Amino acid sequence: MYSVDDPKRGKLAKTGYKLLREAKDFSLLEIDLLTGRKNQIHVHFAEKGCLVAGDKVYGIKGKGIKRLALHAYSITMLPPHSKEEMTFESKVPGYFYSFFN
Protein backbone atom coordinates (compact mmCIF):
# COMPACT_ATOMS: atom_id res chain seq x y z
CA MET A 1 0.00 0.00 0.00
CA TYR A 2 1.11 3.54 -0.69
CA SER A 3 -0.47 6.73 0.64
CA VAL A 4 1.47 9.36 -1.29
CA ASP A 5 4.01 9.08 -4.08
CA ASP A 6 4.18 12.82 -4.80
CA PRO A 7 6.67 14.49 -2.42
CA LYS A 8 4.75 17.77 -2.71
CA ARG A 9 1.73 16.12 -1.05
CA GLY A 10 3.58 14.38 1.80
CA LYS A 11 6.17 11.74 2.61
CA LEU A 12 6.03 8.34 0.94
CA ALA A 13 4.71 5.58 3.20
CA LYS A 14 4.79 1.89 2.24
CA THR A 15 3.10 -0.96 4.08
CA GLY A 16 3.19 -4.64 3.18
CA TYR A 17 0.75 -7.15 4.61
CA LYS A 18 -0.20 -10.83 4.54
CA LEU A 19 -3.57 -12.28 5.50
CA LEU A 20 -3.12 -14.93 8.22
CA ARG A 21 -6.70 -15.61 9.30
CA GLU A 22 -10.16 -14.38 8.37
CA ALA A 23 -13.58 -14.32 10.02
CA LYS A 24 -16.88 -12.57 9.32
CA ASP A 25 -15.95 -9.27 11.00
CA PHE A 26 -12.18 -9.50 11.52
CA SER A 27 -8.93 -10.41 9.77
CA LEU A 28 -5.60 -11.24 11.36
CA LEU A 29 -2.76 -9.72 9.35
CA GLU A 30 1.00 -9.78 9.40
CA ILE A 31 2.07 -6.23 8.62
CA ASP A 32 5.48 -5.15 7.41
CA LEU A 33 6.25 -1.46 7.79
CA LEU A 34 8.51 -0.67 4.86
CA THR A 35 8.70 2.95 6.03
CA GLY A 36 8.11 4.27 9.52
CA ARG A 37 5.54 7.04 9.41
CA LYS A 38 3.37 8.15 12.32
CA ASN A 39 -0.05 6.42 12.25
CA GLN A 40 0.99 4.57 9.08
CA ILE A 41 -0.93 1.36 9.83
CA HIS A 42 -4.06 3.23 10.91
CA VAL A 43 -4.10 5.51 7.87
CA HIS A 44 -3.28 2.90 5.22
CA PHE A 45 -5.90 0.42 6.36
CA ALA A 46 -8.55 3.12 6.94
CA GLU A 47 -7.97 4.32 3.35
CA LYS A 48 -8.78 0.79 2.16
CA GLY A 49 -11.86 0.49 4.39
CA CYS A 50 -10.15 -2.11 6.62
CA LEU A 51 -10.32 -0.45 10.00
CA VAL A 52 -8.16 -1.53 12.95
CA ALA A 53 -10.27 -3.07 15.72
CA GLY A 54 -10.32 -0.94 18.86
CA ASP A 55 -8.92 2.14 17.09
CA LYS A 56 -10.90 5.05 18.55
CA VAL A 57 -9.54 7.59 16.04
CA TYR A 58 -9.51 5.82 12.66
CA GLY A 59 -11.19 2.50 13.39
CA ILE A 60 -14.06 0.55 14.82
CA LYS A 61 -15.42 1.64 18.18
CA GLY A 62 -17.34 -0.75 20.37
CA LYS A 63 -17.84 -4.43 19.50
CA GLY A 64 -16.57 -5.24 23.01
CA ILE A 65 -12.96 -4.36 22.14
CA LYS A 66 -11.37 -2.43 24.97
CA ARG A 67 -7.94 -1.73 23.45
CA LEU A 68 -6.26 -1.23 20.13
CA ALA A 69 -5.80 -4.60 18.40
CA LEU A 70 -2.25 -3.97 17.18
CA HIS A 71 0.72 -5.93 18.45
CA ALA A 72 4.42 -5.85 17.54
CA TYR A 73 5.32 -9.53 17.28
CA SER A 74 8.85 -8.63 16.26
CA ILE A 75 10.78 -5.39 16.19
CA THR A 76 14.38 -4.83 15.12
CA MET A 77 16.31 -1.67 15.88
CA LEU A 78 19.80 -0.24 15.84
CA PRO A 79 20.32 1.61 19.14
CA PRO A 80 22.49 4.72 18.76
CA HIS A 81 24.60 3.91 21.81
CA SER A 82 25.75 0.43 20.73
CA LYS A 83 25.28 0.35 16.94
CA GLU A 84 24.51 -3.36 17.38
CA GLU A 85 21.25 -4.53 15.81
CA MET A 86 18.76 -5.85 18.36
CA THR A 87 15.59 -7.88 17.73
CA PHE A 88 12.79 -8.41 20.23
CA GLU A 89 9.87 -10.82 19.87
CA SER A 90 6.65 -11.23 21.80
CA LYS A 91 3.82 -13.72 21.29
CA VAL A 92 0.55 -12.53 19.81
CA PRO A 93 -1.93 -11.92 22.66
CA GLY A 94 -4.35 -14.82 23.05
CA TYR A 95 -7.40 -12.59 22.91
CA PHE A 96 -6.60 -11.79 19.25
CA TYR A 97 -7.61 -15.35 18.40
CA SER A 98 -10.92 -14.98 20.26
CA PHE A 99 -12.15 -12.83 17.35
CA PHE A 100 -12.15 -15.98 15.23
CA ASN A 101 -14.17 -18.36 17.46
C-alpha atoms as a PDB file:
ATOM      1  CA  MET A   1       0.000   0.000   0.000  1.00  0.00           C
ATOM      2  CA  TYR A   2       1.105   3.544  -0.687  1.00  0.00           C
ATOM      3  CA  SER A   3      -0.466   6.728   0.642  1.00  0.00           C
ATOM      4  CA  VAL A   4       1.472   9.363  -1.289  1.00  0.00           C
ATOM      5  CA  ASP A   5       4.008   9.078  -4.078  1.00  0.00           C
ATOM      6  CA  ASP A   6       4.175  12.823  -4.800  1.00  0.00           C
ATOM      7  CA  PRO A   7       6.674  14.490  -2.422  1.00  0.00           C
ATOM      8  CA  LYS A   8       4.751  17.768  -2.710  1.00  0.00           C
ATOM      9  CA  ARG A   9       1.733  16.120  -1.053  1.00  0.00           C
ATOM     10  CA  GLY A  10       3.580  14.379   1.796  1.00  0.00           C
ATOM     11  CA  LYS A  11       6.169  11.736   2.608  1.00  0.00           C
ATOM     12  CA  LEU A  12       6.030   8.336   0.936  1.00  0.00           C
ATOM     13  CA  ALA A  13       4.713   5.579   3.202  1.00  0.00           C
ATOM     14  CA  LYS A  14       4.789   1.889   2.238  1.00  0.00           C
ATOM     15  CA  THR A  15       3.104  -0.965   4.082  1.00  0.00           C
ATOM     16  CA  GLY A  16       3.193  -4.638   3.179  1.00  0.00           C
ATOM     17  CA  TYR A  17       0.750  -7.154   4.613  1.00  0.00           C
ATOM     18  CA  LYS A  18      -0.197 -10.826   4.537  1.00  0.00           C
ATOM     19  CA  LEU A  19      -3.574 -12.280   5.499  1.00  0.00           C
ATOM     20  CA  LEU A  20      -3.117 -14.935   8.215  1.00  0.00           C
ATOM     21  CA  ARG A  21      -6.703 -15.607   9.295  1.00  0.00           C
ATOM     22  CA  GLU A  22     -10.160 -14.375   8.365  1.00  0.00           C
ATOM     23  CA  ALA A  23     -13.584 -14.317  10.018  1.00  0.00           C
ATOM     24  CA  LYS A  24     -16.880 -12.575   9.323  1.00  0.00           C
ATOM     25  CA  ASP A  25     -15.950  -9.270  10.999  1.00  0.00           C
ATOM     26  CA  PHE A  26     -12.181  -9.497  11.521  1.00  0.00           C
ATOM     27  CA  SER A  27      -8.932 -10.409   9.767  1.00  0.00           C
ATOM     28  CA  LEU A  28      -5.595 -11.244  11.364  1.00  0.00           C
ATOM     29  CA  LEU A  29      -2.760  -9.718   9.350  1.00  0.00           C
ATOM     30  CA  GLU A  30       0.996  -9.784   9.405  1.00  0.00           C
ATOM     31  CA  ILE A  31       2.066  -6.228   8.625  1.00  0.00           C
ATOM     32  CA  ASP A  32       5.478  -5.151   7.407  1.00  0.00           C
ATOM     33  CA  LEU A  33       6.248  -1.458   7.795  1.00  0.00           C
ATOM     34  CA  LEU A  34       8.512  -0.668   4.857  1.00  0.00           C
ATOM     35  CA  THR A  35       8.695   2.945   6.031  1.00  0.00           C
ATOM     36  CA  GLY A  36       8.111   4.270   9.518  1.00  0.00           C
ATOM     37  CA  ARG A  37       5.541   7.036   9.408  1.00  0.00           C
ATOM     38  CA  LYS A  38       3.372   8.155  12.316  1.00  0.00           C
ATOM     39  CA  ASN A  39      -0.050   6.417  12.248  1.00  0.00           C
ATOM     40  CA  GLN A  40       0.991   4.573   9.080  1.00  0.00           C
ATOM     41  CA  ILE A  41      -0.927   1.363   9.835  1.00  0.00           C
ATOM     42  CA  HIS A  42      -4.059   3.231  10.908  1.00  0.00           C
ATOM     43  CA  VAL A  43      -4.098   5.512   7.866  1.00  0.00           C
ATOM     44  CA  HIS A  44      -3.284   2.904   5.221  1.00  0.00           C
ATOM     45  CA  PHE A  45      -5.898   0.417   6.361  1.00  0.00           C
ATOM     46  CA  ALA A  46      -8.552   3.118   6.942  1.00  0.00           C
ATOM     47  CA  GLU A  47      -7.968   4.316   3.354  1.00  0.00           C
ATOM     48  CA  LYS A  48      -8.784   0.787   2.160  1.00  0.00           C
ATOM     49  CA  GLY A  49     -11.859   0.495   4.393  1.00  0.00           C
ATOM     50  CA  CYS A  50     -10.153  -2.106   6.616  1.00  0.00           C
ATOM     51  CA  LEU A  51     -10.316  -0.450  10.005  1.00  0.00           C
ATOM     52  CA  VAL A  52      -8.160  -1.534  12.952  1.00  0.00           C
ATOM     53  CA  ALA A  53     -10.270  -3.066  15.724  1.00  0.00           C
ATOM     54  CA  GLY A  54     -10.320  -0.940  18.860  1.00  0.00           C
ATOM     55  CA  ASP A  55      -8.919   2.138  17.092  1.00  0.00           C
ATOM     56  CA  LYS A  56     -10.902   5.048  18.549  1.00  0.00           C
ATOM     57  CA  VAL A  57      -9.541   7.592  16.041  1.00  0.00           C
ATOM     58  CA  TYR A  58      -9.512   5.816  12.657  1.00  0.00           C
ATOM     59  CA  GLY A  59     -11.191   2.503  13.389  1.00  0.00           C
ATOM     60  CA  ILE A  60     -14.056   0.546  14.823  1.00  0.00           C
ATOM     61  CA  LYS A  61     -15.419   1.641  18.178  1.00  0.00           C
ATOM     62  CA  GLY A  62     -17.342  -0.747  20.366  1.00  0.00           C
ATOM     63  CA  LYS A  63     -17.840  -4.430  19.504  1.00  0.00           C
ATOM     64  CA  GLY A  64     -16.571  -5.235  23.012  1.00  0.00           C
ATOM     65  CA  ILE A  65     -12.963  -4.365  22.137  1.00  0.00           C
ATOM     66  CA  LYS A  66     -11.366  -2.425  24.965  1.00  0.00           C
ATOM     67  CA  ARG A  67      -7.942  -1.733  23.453  1.00  0.00           C
ATOM     68  CA  LEU A  68      -6.255  -1.231  20.128  1.00  0.00           C
ATOM     69  CA  ALA A  69      -5.802  -4.603  18.395  1.00  0.00           C
ATOM     70  CA  LEU A  70      -2.252  -3.966  17.180  1.00  0.00           C
ATOM     71  CA  HIS A  71       0.719  -5.926  18.454  1.00  0.00           C
ATOM     72  CA  ALA A  72       4.419  -5.848  17.539  1.00  0.00           C
ATOM     73  CA  TYR A  73       5.316  -9.531  17.282  1.00  0.00           C
ATOM     74  CA  SER A  74       8.845  -8.630  16.256  1.00  0.00           C
ATOM     75  CA  ILE A  75      10.780  -5.395  16.195  1.00  0.00           C
ATOM     76  CA  THR A  76      14.375  -4.830  15.119  1.00  0.00           C
ATOM     77  CA  MET A  77      16.314  -1.673  15.875  1.00  0.00           C
ATOM     78  CA  LEU A  78      19.802  -0.238  15.840  1.00  0.00           C
ATOM     79  CA  PRO A  79      20.317   1.612  19.140  1.00  0.00           C
ATOM     80  CA  PRO A  80      22.491   4.724  18.756  1.00  0.00           C
ATOM     81  CA  HIS A  81      24.603   3.911  21.806  1.00  0.00           C
ATOM     82  CA  SER A  82      25.749   0.428  20.731  1.00  0.00           C
ATOM     83  CA  LYS A  83      25.276   0.355  16.935  1.00  0.00           C
ATOM     84  CA  GLU A  84      24.509  -3.359  17.380  1.00  0.00           C
ATOM     85  CA  GLU A  85      21.249  -4.535  15.807  1.00  0.00           C
ATOM     86  CA  MET A  86      18.764  -5.848  18.360  1.00  0.00           C
ATOM     87  CA  THR A  87      15.587  -7.878  17.730  1.00  0.00           C
ATOM     88  CA  PHE A  88      12.791  -8.410  20.227  1.00  0.00           C
ATOM     89  CA  GLU A  89       9.871 -10.818  19.866  1.00  0.00           C
ATOM     90  CA  SER A  90       6.650 -11.225  21.798  1.00  0.00           C
ATOM     91  CA  LYS A  91       3.818 -13.718  21.286  1.00  0.00           C
ATOM     92  CA  VAL A  92       0.547 -12.532  19.806  1.00  0.00           C
ATOM     93  CA  PRO A  93      -1.934 -11.917  22.660  1.00  0.00           C
ATOM     94  CA  GLY A  94      -4.348 -14.824  23.047  1.00  0.00           C
ATOM     95  CA  TYR A  95      -7.399 -12.588  22.911  1.00  0.00           C
ATOM     96  CA  PHE A  96      -6.602 -11.787  19.254  1.00  0.00           C
ATOM     97  CA  TYR A  97      -7.607 -15.350  18.397  1.00  0.00           C
ATOM     98  CA  SER A  98     -10.922 -14.977  20.263  1.00  0.00           C
ATOM     99  CA  PHE A  99     -12.150 -12.828  17.353  1.00  0.00           C
ATOM    100  CA  PHE A 100     -12.153 -15.984  15.227  1.00  0.00           C
ATOM    101  CA  ASN A 101     -14.169 -18.356  17.455  1.00  0.00           C
END
